[in-house]
Amino acid sequence: MEVEATTRYVRLSPRKGRDLARAVQGLPLREALAIARLTRRKAAFHLWKTLRSAQANAENNHDLDAGSLFVKEAAIQDGPRLRRWWPRARGMASPIRRRLCHIRVVLSDEPPHGSPRRARGGGGQKVEGR
């Protein structure tokens, strides 16, 4: 069974939060919560709150055990932009674009397909010719 939670209109640039959302995708919920809680970024706090909301939805609305849940999907999507103007010289103005985003988390009680995720980074393999 899948459970969804969405946080909308978060004052966060989507580009700055997507890497964290990709990092927790496919992980067990407990591990994803720990990563979001211990990461010192603005996006981590909002992602943690959305993960907790999805966990509460699973426990209260669908009677699922939080220990058996996995993060099936974590996405940070573009929201609207707040447009303001910054006065400049000679009567001109420059735009200020404050980006907003929507955070969407889908939890599932089925483990993700394929092998468990491993950390990226070459794995100590030697590349010929370097």
Protein backbone atom coordinates (compact mmCIF):
# COMPACT_ATOMS: atom_id res chain seq x y z
CA MET A 1 0.00 0.00 0.00
CA GLU A 2 1.21 3.50 -0.78
CA VAL A 3 0.85 6.54 1.46
CA GLU A 4 1.45 10.10 0.30
CA ALA A 5 2.20 13.42 1.99
CA THR A 6 2.71 16.81 0.35
CA THR A 7 4.03 20.09 1.69
CA ARG A 8 3.21 22.97 -0.61
CA TYR A 9 4.57 26.50 -1.07
CA VAL A 10 7.82 25.99 0.82
CA ARG A 11 10.16 28.98 0.60
CA LEU A 12 13.08 26.99 -0.68
CA SER A 13 14.78 26.86 -4.04
CA PRO A 14 13.87 23.50 -5.64
CA ARG A 15 17.36 23.08 -7.04
CA LYS A 16 18.91 23.19 -3.57
CA GLY A 17 16.65 20.48 -2.20
CA ARG A 18 16.53 17.93 -4.99
CA ASP A 19 19.86 16.30 -4.15
CA LEU A 20 18.65 15.51 -0.63
CA ALA A 21 15.36 14.12 -1.96
CA ARG A 22 17.29 11.83 -4.32
CA ALA A 23 19.50 10.68 -1.43
CA VAL A 24 16.59 9.36 0.66
CA GLN A 25 14.66 7.74 -2.19
CA GLY A 26 14.54 3.95 -1.87
CA LEU A 27 15.71 3.91 1.77
CA PRO A 28 13.81 2.54 4.77
CA LEU A 29 11.79 5.27 6.49
CA ARG A 30 13.84 5.21 9.71
CA GLU A 31 17.08 5.69 7.75
CA ALA A 32 15.59 8.49 5.63
CA LEU A 33 14.36 10.29 8.77
CA ALA A 34 17.82 10.03 10.32
CA ILE A 35 19.51 11.44 7.21
CA ALA A 36 17.03 14.31 6.98
CA ARG A 37 17.35 15.05 10.70
CA LEU A 38 21.16 15.10 10.76
CA THR A 39 21.74 17.05 7.54
CA ARG A 40 22.39 20.72 8.20
CA ARG A 41 20.46 22.27 5.34
CA LYS A 42 17.22 24.19 5.10
CA ALA A 43 15.78 21.58 2.72
CA ALA A 44 16.47 18.81 5.24
CA PHE A 45 14.13 20.29 7.84
CA HIS A 46 11.22 20.58 5.39
CA LEU A 47 11.86 17.09 3.98
CA TRP A 48 11.96 15.68 7.53
CA LYS A 49 8.60 17.29 8.32
CA THR A 50 7.06 15.86 5.16
CA LEU A 51 8.45 12.39 5.94
CA ARG A 52 6.97 12.58 9.46
CA SER A 53 3.63 13.66 8.00
CA ALA A 54 3.64 10.68 5.63
CA GLN A 55 4.52 8.41 8.56
CA ALA A 56 1.60 9.79 10.58
CA ASN A 57 -0.72 9.28 7.59
CA ALA A 58 0.41 5.65 7.31
CA GLU A 59 -0.02 4.92 11.02
CA ASN A 60 -3.29 6.76 11.65
CA ASN A 61 -5.18 6.43 8.36
CA HIS A 62 -4.00 3.04 7.07
CA ASP A 63 -2.86 1.17 10.25
CA LEU A 64 0.63 0.47 8.85
CA ASP A 65 3.73 -0.14 10.95
CA ALA A 66 6.34 2.61 10.51
CA GLY A 67 9.18 0.10 10.84
CA SER A 68 8.20 -1.66 7.63
CA LEU A 69 7.87 1.42 5.40
CA PHE A 70 10.20 2.50 2.59
CA VAL A 71 10.51 5.81 0.75
CA LYS A 72 9.21 4.91 -2.69
CA GLU A 73 9.35 8.44 -4.06
CA ALA A 74 10.66 11.77 -2.78
CA ALA A 75 10.35 14.72 -5.12
CA ILE A 76 10.86 18.45 -4.81
CA GLN A 77 8.98 20.19 -7.60
CA ASP A 78 8.83 23.80 -8.76
CA GLY A 79 6.21 26.02 -7.23
CA PRO A 80 5.28 29.59 -8.07
CA ARG A 81 7.74 32.45 -7.83
CA LEU A 82 7.39 35.59 -5.76
CA ARG A 83 8.39 38.49 -7.98
CA ARG A 84 9.64 41.70 -6.43
CA TRP A 85 11.62 44.64 -7.76
CA TRP A 86 14.96 46.05 -6.65
CA PRO A 87 15.47 49.75 -7.49
CA ARG A 88 18.60 50.44 -9.54
CA ALA A 89 20.35 53.46 -10.90
CA ARG A 90 18.83 55.75 -13.57
CA GLY A 91 15.25 54.81 -12.77
CA MET A 92 15.62 51.14 -13.63
CA ALA A 93 14.68 48.09 -11.56
CA SER A 94 16.00 44.54 -11.35
CA PRO A 95 13.71 41.60 -10.60
CA ILE A 96 14.00 39.55 -7.42
CA ARG A 97 12.66 36.05 -7.98
CA ARG A 98 11.98 34.20 -4.76
CA ARG A 99 11.46 30.55 -5.67
CA LEU A 100 8.95 28.30 -3.92
CA CYS A 101 8.64 24.52 -4.13
CA HIS A 102 6.32 21.63 -3.37
CA ILE A 103 7.67 18.56 -1.53
CA ARG A 104 6.00 15.21 -2.25
CA VAL A 105 6.81 11.96 -0.43
CA VAL A 106 5.33 8.54 -1.19
CA LEU A 107 5.87 5.69 1.30
CA SER A 108 5.30 2.03 0.52
CA ASP A 109 5.27 -1.11 2.63
CA GLU A 110 6.99 -3.05 -0.17
CA PRO A 111 10.79 -2.88 -0.41
CA PRO A 112 12.18 -1.24 -3.56
CA HIS A 113 13.01 -3.46 -6.52
CA GLY A 114 16.61 -4.42 -7.27
CA SER A 115 19.62 -4.55 -5.01
CA PRO A 116 19.93 -2.33 -1.94
CA ARG A 117 21.32 1.14 -2.56
CA ARG A 118 25.02 1.72 -2.10
CA ALA A 119 26.97 4.91 -1.73
CA ARG A 120 28.32 6.34 -4.96
CA GLY A 121 31.90 7.33 -5.49
CA GLY A 122 33.91 5.01 -7.70
CA GLY A 123 34.20 2.15 -5.23
CA GLY A 124 37.99 2.13 -5.36
CA GLN A 125 38.16 0.94 -8.95
CA LYS A 126 41.25 1.92 -10.89
CA VAL A 127 40.68 3.52 -14.27
CA GLU A 128 43.18 2.60 -16.99
CA GLY A 129 45.14 5.39 -18.63
CA ARG A 130 45.14 7.81 -15.72
